Amino acid sequence: MDRRSMLKQMAAVVGVAAMAGKVSAQQPFAEVNPPQPTGDAGKIEVLEFFHYGCPHCRDFDPLLEKWVAALPKDVEFKRVPAIWGNAQLKELARFYYTLEVTGELHALHSKVFTALQSDKVPLNTEDGVRAWIAKQGGDEKRFMETYKSFGVQSMVQRADQIARAYKIQGVPTLAIDGKYLTAGSMAGTHENALKVADQLIQRVRAARPKS
């Protein structure tokens, strides 16, 4: 289902539904036009565009975590929360970056999917975030200070800019070094998307000048 249709059905998961790309199943990847800059010229950058309300992202995450753990040293992986101008997704992006900045992301990332989608915890609200973090045994005061910080707000704005620049229409989507996009909706399955990503990483590596 495309982005516009899904935005009309946001009440599915605490007001946030999955958004799947509008692409042909016969094309396992797409070129980014124009190509986008990456963070470290010495690394091959892989971005995952996702959001916590997306069931497909939840299903993909265990496969992705295993894949990321085995990436070569010349590959750098980052997540980018998708927002699409939606207020609820913006709050989930804010929550994601707060987890990242406070060092809680590794421990709580997978739990967020369960809390939001299965337990219906309103993590797109400040009160919901505060109560849930306290329940996890985290430093509630420090977490909420970070949650409201200018730094986190800037990260959220930057994430939205990146997704717009890549013209992301659905999640989960992987971007390879600013040049290619692939997703389960393109490659047929989540597993195939990771295989395609491996091939695209090899393509990028082969095209770089030998040091």
N, C-alpha and C. Protein backbone atom coordinates (compact mmCIF):
# COMPACT_ATOMS: atom_id res chain seq x y z
N MET A 1 0.84 -1.19 0.00
CA MET A 1 0.00 0.00 0.00
C MET A 1 0.87 1.24 0.00
N ASP A 2 0.46 2.27 -0.75
CA ASP A 2 1.32 3.44 -0.86
C ASP A 2 1.18 4.36 0.33
N ARG A 3 2.07 5.33 0.40
CA ARG A 3 2.16 6.23 1.54
C ARG A 3 0.87 6.98 1.79
N ARG A 4 0.24 7.51 0.75
CA ARG A 4 -0.96 8.33 0.90
C ARG A 4 -2.10 7.53 1.49
N SER A 5 -2.30 6.31 0.99
CA SER A 5 -3.38 5.47 1.49
C SER A 5 -3.16 5.11 2.96
N MET A 6 -1.91 4.79 3.29
CA MET A 6 -1.64 4.40 4.66
C MET A 6 -1.78 5.55 5.64
N LEU A 7 -1.46 6.74 5.21
CA LEU A 7 -1.59 7.89 6.10
C LEU A 7 -3.05 8.12 6.50
N LYS A 8 -3.98 7.60 5.71
CA LYS A 8 -5.40 7.72 6.03
C LYS A 8 -5.85 6.67 7.04
N GLN A 9 -4.96 5.72 7.34
CA GLN A 9 -5.32 4.62 8.24
C GLN A 9 -4.41 4.58 9.46
N MET A 10 -4.02 5.74 9.95
CA MET A 10 -3.03 5.82 11.01
C MET A 10 -3.51 5.26 12.34
N ALA A 11 -4.80 5.02 12.49
CA ALA A 11 -5.32 4.53 13.77
C ALA A 11 -5.01 3.06 14.00
N ALA A 12 -4.41 2.39 13.06
CA ALA A 12 -4.19 0.94 13.17
C ALA A 12 -3.30 0.58 14.35
N VAL A 13 -2.24 1.32 14.57
CA VAL A 13 -1.31 1.01 15.67
C VAL A 13 -1.02 2.30 16.42
N VAL A 14 -1.79 2.57 17.48
CA VAL A 14 -1.68 3.81 18.23
C VAL A 14 -1.63 4.98 17.26
N GLY A 15 -2.46 4.91 16.24
CA GLY A 15 -2.50 5.98 15.26
C GLY A 15 -1.40 5.91 14.24
N VAL A 16 -0.57 4.86 14.24
CA VAL A 16 0.54 4.79 13.29
C VAL A 16 0.51 3.44 12.59
N ALA A 17 0.35 3.46 11.25
CA ALA A 17 0.28 2.22 10.48
C ALA A 17 1.55 2.03 9.67
N ALA A 18 1.74 0.83 9.16
CA ALA A 18 2.88 0.54 8.30
C ALA A 18 2.69 1.19 6.95
N MET A 19 3.79 1.58 6.34
CA MET A 19 3.75 2.20 5.03
C MET A 19 4.65 1.41 4.10
N ALA A 20 4.09 0.81 3.09
CA ALA A 20 4.87 -0.01 2.18
C ALA A 20 5.03 0.69 0.86
N GLY A 21 6.17 0.50 0.23
CA GLY A 21 6.49 1.22 -0.99
C GLY A 21 5.67 0.79 -2.18
N LYS A 22 5.49 1.69 -3.12
CA LYS A 22 4.76 1.44 -4.35
C LYS A 22 5.78 1.16 -5.45
N VAL A 23 6.20 -0.11 -5.54
CA VAL A 23 7.27 -0.47 -6.47
C VAL A 23 6.93 -1.77 -7.17
N SER A 24 7.63 -2.07 -8.24
CA SER A 24 7.43 -3.30 -8.98
C SER A 24 8.19 -4.44 -8.32
N ALA A 25 7.53 -5.60 -8.17
CA ALA A 25 8.18 -6.76 -7.56
C ALA A 25 9.27 -7.32 -8.46
N GLN A 26 9.29 -6.92 -9.74
CA GLN A 26 10.27 -7.44 -10.68
C GLN A 26 11.60 -6.71 -10.59
N GLN A 27 11.63 -5.58 -9.93
CA GLN A 27 12.85 -4.79 -9.85
C GLN A 27 13.39 -4.86 -8.42
N PRO A 28 14.51 -5.56 -8.17
CA PRO A 28 14.98 -5.76 -6.80
C PRO A 28 15.65 -4.55 -6.17
N PHE A 29 16.00 -3.55 -6.97
CA PHE A 29 16.57 -2.33 -6.41
C PHE A 29 16.30 -1.17 -7.36
N ALA A 30 16.51 0.03 -6.85
CA ALA A 30 16.34 1.24 -7.67
C ALA A 30 17.53 2.15 -7.45
N GLU A 31 17.88 2.91 -8.45
CA GLU A 31 18.95 3.90 -8.31
C GLU A 31 18.39 5.18 -7.69
N VAL A 32 19.17 5.78 -6.82
CA VAL A 32 18.78 7.05 -6.21
C VAL A 32 19.15 8.17 -7.17
N ASN A 33 18.17 9.00 -7.49
CA ASN A 33 18.39 10.08 -8.45
C ASN A 33 17.83 11.40 -7.90
N PRO A 34 18.73 12.34 -7.59
CA PRO A 34 20.19 12.27 -7.73
C PRO A 34 20.81 11.48 -6.57
N PRO A 35 22.02 10.96 -6.76
CA PRO A 35 22.71 10.29 -5.65
C PRO A 35 22.87 11.24 -4.46
N GLN A 36 22.86 10.68 -3.25
CA GLN A 36 22.92 11.49 -2.04
C GLN A 36 24.29 11.39 -1.36
N PRO A 37 24.70 12.47 -0.71
CA PRO A 37 25.98 12.43 0.02
C PRO A 37 25.90 11.48 1.21
N THR A 38 27.04 10.94 1.59
CA THR A 38 27.11 10.05 2.74
C THR A 38 28.00 10.66 3.82
N GLY A 39 27.95 10.07 5.01
CA GLY A 39 28.64 10.68 6.13
C GLY A 39 30.15 10.55 6.12
N ASP A 40 30.66 9.38 5.79
CA ASP A 40 32.10 9.10 5.85
C ASP A 40 32.55 8.57 4.50
N ALA A 41 33.37 9.34 3.81
CA ALA A 41 33.81 8.94 2.46
C ALA A 41 34.60 7.64 2.48
N GLY A 42 35.17 7.30 3.62
CA GLY A 42 35.96 6.08 3.72
C GLY A 42 35.14 4.84 4.00
N LYS A 43 33.85 5.01 4.21
CA LYS A 43 32.95 3.90 4.52
C LYS A 43 31.86 3.77 3.45
N ILE A 44 31.33 2.57 3.30
CA ILE A 44 30.14 2.35 2.49
C ILE A 44 28.95 2.46 3.44
N GLU A 45 28.12 3.44 3.22
CA GLU A 45 27.03 3.74 4.16
C GLU A 45 25.76 2.99 3.79
N VAL A 46 25.18 2.32 4.78
CA VAL A 46 23.88 1.67 4.62
C VAL A 46 22.90 2.32 5.59
N LEU A 47 21.79 2.81 5.07
CA LEU A 47 20.74 3.40 5.90
C LEU A 47 19.51 2.51 5.87
N GLU A 48 18.88 2.34 7.03
CA GLU A 48 17.56 1.72 7.05
C GLU A 48 16.54 2.79 7.38
N PHE A 49 15.61 3.03 6.48
CA PHE A 49 14.47 3.90 6.75
C PHE A 49 13.37 3.02 7.36
N PHE A 50 12.84 3.43 8.50
CA PHE A 50 11.88 2.61 9.23
C PHE A 50 11.01 3.51 10.10
N HIS A 51 10.00 2.93 10.73
CA HIS A 51 9.39 3.58 11.89
C HIS A 51 8.80 2.52 12.80
N TYR A 52 8.65 2.86 14.07
CA TYR A 52 8.27 1.89 15.08
C TYR A 52 6.84 1.39 14.95
N GLY A 53 5.99 2.11 14.24
CA GLY A 53 4.61 1.66 14.07
C GLY A 53 4.42 0.70 12.92
N CYS A 54 5.48 0.37 12.21
CA CYS A 54 5.42 -0.44 10.99
C CYS A 54 5.59 -1.93 11.31
N PRO A 55 4.57 -2.76 11.09
CA PRO A 55 4.71 -4.20 11.33
C PRO A 55 5.78 -4.85 10.47
N HIS A 56 5.94 -4.38 9.23
CA HIS A 56 6.98 -4.94 8.36
C HIS A 56 8.37 -4.65 8.93
N CYS A 57 8.54 -3.47 9.50
CA CYS A 57 9.83 -3.11 10.12
C CYS A 57 10.10 -4.01 11.32
N ARG A 58 9.07 -4.29 12.07
CA ARG A 58 9.20 -5.18 13.23
C ARG A 58 9.62 -6.58 12.78
N ASP A 59 9.01 -7.09 11.73
CA ASP A 59 9.36 -8.42 11.22
C ASP A 59 10.78 -8.46 10.66
N PHE A 60 11.16 -7.36 10.02
CA PHE A 60 12.47 -7.27 9.38
C PHE A 60 13.60 -7.14 10.38
N ASP A 61 13.31 -6.55 11.53
CA ASP A 61 14.37 -6.14 12.45
C ASP A 61 15.28 -7.28 12.93
N PRO A 62 14.76 -8.45 13.32
CA PRO A 62 15.68 -9.52 13.75
C PRO A 62 16.63 -9.97 12.64
N LEU A 63 16.13 -10.04 11.41
CA LEU A 63 16.97 -10.40 10.27
C LEU A 63 18.03 -9.33 10.04
N LEU A 64 17.60 -8.08 10.14
CA LEU A 64 18.51 -6.97 9.91
C LEU A 64 19.61 -6.91 10.96
N GLU A 65 19.24 -7.12 12.23
CA GLU A 65 20.22 -7.09 13.31
C GLU A 65 21.31 -8.13 13.09
N LYS A 66 20.91 -9.33 12.69
CA LYS A 66 21.88 -10.39 12.43
C LYS A 66 22.78 -10.03 11.26
N TRP A 67 22.20 -9.43 10.22
CA TRP A 67 22.95 -9.02 9.03
C TRP A 67 23.94 -7.92 9.37
N VAL A 68 23.49 -6.94 10.13
CA VAL A 68 24.35 -5.81 10.52
C VAL A 68 25.55 -6.30 11.34
N ALA A 69 25.32 -7.26 12.21
CA ALA A 69 26.40 -7.77 13.06
C ALA A 69 27.53 -8.41 12.25
N ALA A 70 27.21 -8.85 11.04
CA ALA A 70 28.22 -9.51 10.20
C ALA A 70 28.78 -8.61 9.10
N LEU A 71 28.43 -7.33 9.11
CA LEU A 71 28.91 -6.44 8.06
C LEU A 71 30.43 -6.25 8.13
N PRO A 72 31.08 -6.11 6.99
CA PRO A 72 32.53 -5.84 6.98
C PRO A 72 32.85 -4.49 7.62
N LYS A 73 34.11 -4.30 7.97
CA LYS A 73 34.51 -3.08 8.66
C LYS A 73 34.39 -1.82 7.80
N ASP A 74 34.35 -2.00 6.48
CA ASP A 74 34.25 -0.81 5.62
C ASP A 74 32.81 -0.38 5.37
N VAL A 75 31.85 -1.02 6.07
CA VAL A 75 30.44 -0.67 5.93
C VAL A 75 29.93 -0.07 7.23
N GLU A 76 29.27 1.07 7.13
CA GLU A 76 28.70 1.75 8.30
C GLU A 76 27.18 1.74 8.18
N PHE A 77 26.51 1.26 9.23
CA PHE A 77 25.04 1.15 9.23
C PHE A 77 24.42 2.20 10.14
N LYS A 78 23.34 2.82 9.66
CA LYS A 78 22.58 3.79 10.45
C LYS A 78 21.09 3.61 10.18
N ARG A 79 20.29 3.92 11.17
CA ARG A 79 18.84 3.94 10.98
C ARG A 79 18.36 5.38 10.82
N VAL A 80 17.34 5.56 9.99
CA VAL A 80 16.72 6.87 9.81
C VAL A 80 15.21 6.70 9.96
N PRO A 81 14.61 7.26 11.01
CA PRO A 81 13.16 7.15 11.17
C PRO A 81 12.43 7.96 10.10
N ALA A 82 11.43 7.34 9.49
CA ALA A 82 10.61 8.02 8.48
C ALA A 82 9.54 8.85 9.17
N ILE A 83 9.25 10.03 8.64
CA ILE A 83 8.29 10.94 9.25
C ILE A 83 7.19 11.35 8.28
N TRP A 84 7.56 11.72 7.06
CA TRP A 84 6.59 12.10 6.02
C TRP A 84 5.65 13.23 6.45
N GLY A 85 6.13 14.12 7.30
CA GLY A 85 5.31 15.25 7.70
C GLY A 85 4.20 14.89 8.68
N ASN A 86 4.21 13.67 9.21
CA ASN A 86 3.16 13.21 10.12
C ASN A 86 3.57 13.47 11.57
N ALA A 87 2.69 14.09 12.35
CA ALA A 87 3.03 14.49 13.71
C ALA A 87 3.33 13.29 14.61
N GLN A 88 2.59 12.19 14.44
CA GLN A 88 2.80 11.02 15.29
C GLN A 88 4.13 10.32 14.97
N LEU A 89 4.44 10.25 13.69
CA LEU A 89 5.72 9.66 13.30
C LEU A 89 6.88 10.55 13.75
N LYS A 90 6.65 11.84 13.78
CA LYS A 90 7.68 12.76 14.26
C LYS A 90 7.99 12.48 15.72
N GLU A 91 6.96 12.21 16.51
CA GLU A 91 7.18 11.90 17.93
C GLU A 91 7.90 10.57 18.11
N LEU A 92 7.60 9.59 17.25
CA LEU A 92 8.32 8.32 17.32
C LEU A 92 9.78 8.48 16.92
N ALA A 93 10.04 9.36 15.97
CA ALA A 93 11.43 9.66 15.58
C ALA A 93 12.16 10.35 16.74
N ARG A 94 11.47 11.22 17.41
CA ARG A 94 12.03 11.91 18.58
C ARG A 94 12.40 10.89 19.67
N PHE A 95 11.52 9.93 19.87
CA PHE A 95 11.77 8.87 20.85
C PHE A 95 12.98 8.04 20.43
N TYR A 96 13.06 7.69 19.14
CA TYR A 96 14.20 6.90 18.65
C TYR A 96 15.52 7.61 18.92
N TYR A 97 15.60 8.87 18.57
CA TYR A 97 16.87 9.58 18.74
C TYR A 97 17.21 9.80 20.21
N THR A 98 16.20 9.90 21.06
CA THR A 98 16.48 10.00 22.49
C THR A 98 17.09 8.69 23.00
N LEU A 99 16.56 7.57 22.53
CA LEU A 99 17.15 6.28 22.88
C LEU A 99 18.60 6.20 22.42
N GLU A 100 18.86 6.70 21.23
CA GLU A 100 20.22 6.66 20.68
C GLU A 100 21.17 7.53 21.50
N VAL A 101 20.77 8.75 21.79
CA VAL A 101 21.64 9.70 22.49
C VAL A 101 21.91 9.24 23.93
N THR A 102 20.91 8.67 24.58
CA THR A 102 21.07 8.25 25.98
C THR A 102 21.74 6.88 26.12
N GLY A 103 22.03 6.23 25.00
CA GLY A 103 22.67 4.93 25.06
C GLY A 103 21.73 3.77 25.38
N GLU A 104 20.43 4.01 25.28
CA GLU A 104 19.44 2.98 25.60
C GLU A 104 18.97 2.20 24.37
N LEU A 105 19.43 2.59 23.19
CA LEU A 105 18.88 2.02 21.96
C LEU A 105 19.11 0.52 21.86
N HIS A 106 20.31 0.07 22.11
CA HIS A 106 20.63 -1.35 21.95
C HIS A 106 19.75 -2.22 22.84
N ALA A 107 19.53 -1.79 24.06
CA ALA A 107 18.76 -2.58 25.02
C ALA A 107 17.26 -2.53 24.76
N LEU A 108 16.76 -1.42 24.24
CA LEU A 108 15.31 -1.21 24.18
C LEU A 108 14.71 -1.20 22.79
N HIS A 109 15.53 -1.16 21.75
CA HIS A 109 15.01 -1.01 20.38
C HIS A 109 13.92 -2.03 20.04
N SER A 110 14.20 -3.30 20.21
CA SER A 110 13.21 -4.32 19.85
C SER A 110 11.99 -4.27 20.76
N LYS A 111 12.19 -3.87 22.01
CA LYS A 111 11.08 -3.77 22.96
C LYS A 111 10.10 -2.66 22.57
N VAL A 112 10.60 -1.64 21.88
CA VAL A 112 9.73 -0.54 21.47
C VAL A 112 8.68 -1.04 20.47
N PHE A 113 9.10 -1.87 19.52
CA PHE A 113 8.14 -2.43 18.56
C PHE A 113 7.01 -3.16 19.29
N THR A 114 7.38 -3.98 20.28
CA THR A 114 6.38 -4.74 21.03
C THR A 114 5.48 -3.83 21.84
N ALA A 115 6.08 -2.86 22.51
CA ALA A 115 5.30 -1.94 23.35
C ALA A 115 4.28 -1.18 22.52
N LEU A 116 4.69 -0.68 21.38
CA LEU A 116 3.81 0.15 20.55
C LEU A 116 2.77 -0.70 19.82
N GLN A 117 3.22 -1.78 19.20
CA GLN A 117 2.33 -2.54 18.32
C GLN A 117 1.49 -3.60 19.03
N SER A 118 2.06 -4.27 20.02
CA SER A 118 1.33 -5.32 20.73
C SER A 118 0.66 -4.81 22.00
N ASP A 119 1.40 -4.04 22.79
CA ASP A 119 0.88 -3.58 24.07
C ASP A 119 0.14 -2.26 23.97
N LYS A 120 0.18 -1.63 22.79
CA LYS A 120 -0.53 -0.37 22.54
C LYS A 120 -0.12 0.75 23.49
N VAL A 121 1.15 0.76 23.88
CA VAL A 121 1.67 1.85 24.70
C VAL A 121 1.81 3.08 23.81
N PRO A 122 1.25 4.23 24.22
CA PRO A 122 1.29 5.43 23.37
C PRO A 122 2.66 6.12 23.39
N LEU A 123 3.62 5.51 22.73
CA LEU A 123 4.98 6.05 22.72
C LEU A 123 5.13 7.23 21.77
N ASN A 124 4.04 7.63 21.16
CA ASN A 124 4.03 8.86 20.36
C ASN A 124 3.53 10.04 21.18
N THR A 125 3.49 9.87 22.51
CA THR A 125 3.11 10.96 23.41
C THR A 125 4.16 11.08 24.51
N GLU A 126 4.32 12.27 25.04
CA GLU A 126 5.32 12.50 26.08
C GLU A 126 5.00 11.71 27.34
N ASP A 127 3.72 11.68 27.74
CA ASP A 127 3.34 10.94 28.94
C ASP A 127 3.58 9.45 28.77
N GLY A 128 3.28 8.94 27.58
CA GLY A 128 3.50 7.53 27.30
C GLY A 128 4.97 7.16 27.36
N VAL A 129 5.80 8.02 26.81
CA VAL A 129 7.25 7.80 26.83
C VAL A 129 7.77 7.81 28.26
N ARG A 130 7.36 8.81 29.02
CA ARG A 130 7.85 8.95 30.40
C ARG A 130 7.49 7.70 31.23
N ALA A 131 6.25 7.27 31.14
CA ALA A 131 5.80 6.12 31.93
C ALA A 131 6.52 4.84 31.50
N TRP A 132 6.72 4.68 30.21
CA TRP A 132 7.34 3.44 29.72
C TRP A 132 8.82 3.38 30.10
N ILE A 133 9.52 4.49 29.96
CA ILE A 133 10.94 4.52 30.33
C ILE A 133 11.12 4.25 31.82
N ALA A 134 10.25 4.82 32.64
CA ALA A 134 10.32 4.57 34.08
C ALA A 134 10.12 3.08 34.37
N LYS A 135 9.21 2.46 33.63
CA LYS A 135 8.93 1.03 33.81
C LYS A 135 10.12 0.16 33.41
N GLN A 136 10.93 0.66 32.47
CA GLN A 136 12.12 -0.09 32.04
C GLN A 136 13.29 0.07 33.00
N GLY A 137 13.11 0.92 34.00
CA GLY A 137 14.17 1.14 34.98
C GLY A 137 15.20 2.16 34.56
N GLY A 138 14.87 2.95 33.53
CA GLY A 138 15.80 3.96 33.05
C GLY A 138 15.78 5.22 33.90
N ASP A 139 16.73 6.11 33.64
CA ASP A 139 16.80 7.40 34.32
C ASP A 139 15.78 8.32 33.67
N GLU A 140 14.58 8.34 34.24
CA GLU A 140 13.46 9.07 33.63
C GLU A 140 13.77 10.55 33.46
N LYS A 141 14.36 11.19 34.47
CA LYS A 141 14.64 12.62 34.40
C LYS A 141 15.62 12.94 33.28
N ARG A 142 16.72 12.20 33.23
CA ARG A 142 17.73 12.41 32.19
C ARG A 142 17.14 12.13 30.80
N PHE A 143 16.36 11.07 30.71
CA PHE A 143 15.79 10.70 29.42
C PHE A 143 14.87 11.80 28.90
N MET A 144 14.01 12.32 29.76
CA MET A 144 13.05 13.33 29.30
C MET A 144 13.73 14.66 29.00
N GLU A 145 14.81 14.97 29.70
CA GLU A 145 15.58 16.18 29.38
C GLU A 145 16.17 16.06 27.98
N THR A 146 16.68 14.88 27.66
CA THR A 146 17.22 14.64 26.32
C THR A 146 16.12 14.67 25.28
N TYR A 147 14.99 14.07 25.61
CA TYR A 147 13.82 14.00 24.73
C TYR A 147 13.37 15.40 24.29
N LYS A 148 13.50 16.37 25.20
CA LYS A 148 13.05 17.74 24.92
C LYS A 148 14.18 18.64 24.41
N SER A 149 15.36 18.07 24.22
CA SER A 149 16.53 18.88 23.89
C SER A 149 16.54 19.36 22.45
N PHE A 150 17.25 20.46 22.23
CA PHE A 150 17.42 21.00 20.88
C PHE A 150 18.17 20.01 19.98
N GLY A 151 19.14 19.32 20.58
CA GLY A 151 19.92 18.36 19.80
C GLY A 151 19.07 17.27 19.19
N VAL A 152 18.16 16.72 19.98
CA VAL A 152 17.26 15.67 19.47
C VAL A 152 16.31 16.24 18.42
N GLN A 153 15.80 17.43 18.67
CA GLN A 153 14.91 18.06 17.68
C GLN A 153 15.63 18.25 16.35
N SER A 154 16.89 18.63 16.42
CA SER A 154 17.68 18.82 15.20
C SER A 154 17.88 17.50 14.46
N MET A 155 18.09 16.42 15.20
CA MET A 155 18.26 15.11 14.59
C MET A 155 16.98 14.66 13.89
N VAL A 156 15.85 14.94 14.50
CA VAL A 156 14.56 14.61 13.89
C VAL A 156 14.37 15.37 12.58
N GLN A 157 14.67 16.65 12.60
CA GLN A 157 14.56 17.46 11.39
C GLN A 157 15.48 16.96 10.29
N ARG A 158 16.68 16.57 10.68
CA ARG A 158 17.64 16.06 9.70
C ARG A 158 17.16 14.73 9.10
N ALA A 159 16.58 13.88 9.92
CA ALA A 159 16.04 12.60 9.43
C ALA A 159 14.97 12.83 8.38
N ASP A 160 14.10 13.79 8.63
CA ASP A 160 13.04 14.10 7.66
C ASP A 160 13.64 14.61 6.36
N GLN A 161 14.66 15.44 6.47
CA GLN A 161 15.32 15.96 5.27
C GLN A 161 15.96 14.84 4.46
N ILE A 162 16.58 13.89 5.14
CA ILE A 162 17.24 12.78 4.45
C ILE A 162 16.22 11.91 3.72
N ALA A 163 15.13 11.57 4.41
CA ALA A 163 14.10 10.74 3.78
C ALA A 163 13.49 11.43 2.56
N ARG A 164 13.29 12.73 2.65
CA ARG A 164 12.75 13.48 1.52
C ARG A 164 13.75 13.49 0.36
N ALA A 165 15.02 13.66 0.68
CA ALA A 165 16.05 13.69 -0.37
C ALA A 165 16.13 12.35 -1.10
N TYR A 166 15.94 11.27 -0.37
CA TYR A 166 15.95 9.93 -0.97
C TYR A 166 14.62 9.57 -1.63
N LYS A 167 13.61 10.41 -1.41
CA LYS A 167 12.25 10.17 -1.96
C LYS A 167 11.69 8.83 -1.46
N ILE A 168 11.86 8.58 -0.18
CA ILE A 168 11.40 7.33 0.41
C ILE A 168 9.87 7.29 0.44
N GLN A 169 9.31 6.23 -0.12
CA GLN A 169 7.87 6.07 -0.20
C GLN A 169 7.33 4.98 0.72
N GLY A 170 8.19 4.14 1.24
CA GLY A 170 7.73 3.07 2.11
C GLY A 170 8.84 2.56 3.00
N VAL A 171 8.46 1.83 4.04
CA VAL A 171 9.43 1.26 4.97
C VAL A 171 9.07 -0.19 5.26
N PRO A 172 10.08 -1.02 5.59
CA PRO A 172 11.50 -0.70 5.67
C PRO A 172 12.15 -0.63 4.28
N THR A 173 13.05 0.31 4.12
CA THR A 173 13.83 0.46 2.89
C THR A 173 15.30 0.63 3.26
N LEU A 174 16.17 -0.02 2.52
CA LEU A 174 17.61 0.13 2.71
C LEU A 174 18.19 1.01 1.61
N ALA A 175 19.03 1.95 1.99
CA ALA A 175 19.76 2.79 1.04
C ALA A 175 21.23 2.41 1.10
N ILE A 176 21.84 2.18 -0.05
CA ILE A 176 23.23 1.75 -0.11
C ILE A 176 24.11 2.86 -0.67
N ASP A 177 24.89 3.45 0.23
CA ASP A 177 25.91 4.45 -0.11
C ASP A 177 25.37 5.62 -0.94
N GLY A 178 24.15 6.01 -0.68
CA GLY A 178 23.57 7.17 -1.37
C GLY A 178 23.22 6.93 -2.82
N LYS A 179 23.35 5.68 -3.28
CA LYS A 179 23.20 5.39 -4.71
C LYS A 179 22.04 4.46 -5.05
N TYR A 180 21.71 3.55 -4.13
CA TYR A 180 20.72 2.51 -4.45
C TYR A 180 19.73 2.34 -3.30
N LEU A 181 18.52 1.90 -3.65
CA LEU A 181 17.51 1.54 -2.67
C LEU A 181 17.06 0.11 -2.93
N THR A 182 16.81 -0.62 -1.85
CA THR A 182 16.19 -1.93 -1.98
C THR A 182 15.28 -2.15 -0.78
N ALA A 183 14.34 -3.09 -0.92
CA ALA A 183 13.37 -3.37 0.13
C ALA A 183 12.75 -4.73 -0.15
N GLY A 184 12.10 -5.30 0.85
CA GLY A 184 11.41 -6.55 0.64
C GLY A 184 10.34 -6.45 -0.42
N SER A 185 9.72 -5.28 -0.51
CA SER A 185 8.68 -5.07 -1.52
C SER A 185 9.26 -5.02 -2.93
N MET A 186 10.55 -4.74 -3.05
CA MET A 186 11.22 -4.75 -4.35
C MET A 186 11.80 -6.14 -4.65
N ALA A 187 12.45 -6.71 -3.64
CA ALA A 187 13.20 -7.96 -3.85
C ALA A 187 12.35 -9.21 -3.66
N GLY A 188 11.15 -9.06 -3.13
CA GLY A 188 10.25 -10.19 -2.95
C GLY A 188 10.10 -10.63 -1.51
N THR A 189 11.19 -10.63 -0.75
CA THR A 189 11.16 -10.97 0.67
C THR A 189 12.21 -10.13 1.40
N HIS A 190 12.09 -10.09 2.73
CA HIS A 190 13.10 -9.38 3.52
C HIS A 190 14.48 -10.02 3.33
N GLU A 191 14.50 -11.35 3.30
CA GLU A 191 15.77 -12.06 3.12
C GLU A 191 16.42 -11.70 1.79
N ASN A 192 15.61 -11.64 0.75
CA ASN A 192 16.14 -11.28 -0.56
C ASN A 192 16.67 -9.85 -0.59
N ALA A 193 15.99 -8.96 0.14
CA ALA A 193 16.43 -7.57 0.19
C ALA A 193 17.84 -7.48 0.77
N LEU A 194 18.13 -8.28 1.78
CA LEU A 194 19.46 -8.27 2.37
C LEU A 194 20.50 -8.86 1.41
N LYS A 195 20.10 -9.86 0.64
CA LYS A 195 21.01 -10.41 -0.38
C LYS A 195 21.30 -9.37 -1.45
N VAL A 196 20.26 -8.64 -1.86
CA VAL A 196 20.45 -7.57 -2.85
C VAL A 196 21.36 -6.49 -2.27
N ALA A 197 21.15 -6.15 -0.99
CA ALA A 197 22.00 -5.15 -0.34
C ALA A 197 23.46 -5.59 -0.35
N ASP A 198 23.70 -6.87 -0.09
CA ASP A 198 25.08 -7.39 -0.14
C ASP A 198 25.68 -7.19 -1.53
N GLN A 199 24.90 -7.47 -2.56
CA GLN A 199 25.38 -7.32 -3.94
C GLN A 199 25.66 -5.86 -4.27
N LEU A 200 24.81 -4.97 -3.77
CA LEU A 200 25.00 -3.55 -4.03
C LEU A 200 26.22 -3.01 -3.28
N ILE A 201 26.45 -3.51 -2.08
CA ILE A 201 27.66 -3.13 -1.34
C ILE A 201 28.90 -3.55 -2.12
N GLN A 202 28.88 -4.75 -2.66
CA GLN A 202 30.00 -5.23 -3.46
C GLN A 202 30.19 -4.37 -4.71
N ARG A 203 29.08 -3.97 -5.32
CA ARG A 203 29.16 -3.11 -6.51
C ARG A 203 29.81 -1.78 -6.17
N VAL A 204 29.38 -1.18 -5.06
CA VAL A 204 29.96 0.10 -4.64
C VAL A 204 31.44 -0.06 -4.34
N ARG A 205 31.79 -1.11 -3.64
CA ARG A 205 33.20 -1.35 -3.28
C ARG A 205 34.06 -1.53 -4.53
N ALA A 206 33.55 -2.27 -5.50
CA ALA A 206 34.31 -2.53 -6.72
C ALA A 206 34.52 -1.27 -7.55
N ALA A 207 33.58 -0.32 -7.43
CA ALA A 207 33.67 0.91 -8.23
C ALA A 207 34.60 1.94 -7.61
N ARG A 208 35.03 1.72 -6.37
CA ARG A 208 35.89 2.69 -5.69
C ARG A 208 37.35 2.50 -6.11
N PRO A 209 38.09 3.59 -6.14
CA PRO A 209 39.52 3.48 -6.47
C PRO A 209 40.25 2.61 -5.46
N LYS A 210 41.15 1.80 -5.94
CA LYS A 210 41.93 0.94 -5.04
C LYS A 210 42.98 1.77 -4.31
N SER A 211 43.06 1.59 -3.01
CA SER A 211 44.03 2.37 -2.22
C SER A 211 45.40 1.73 -2.24
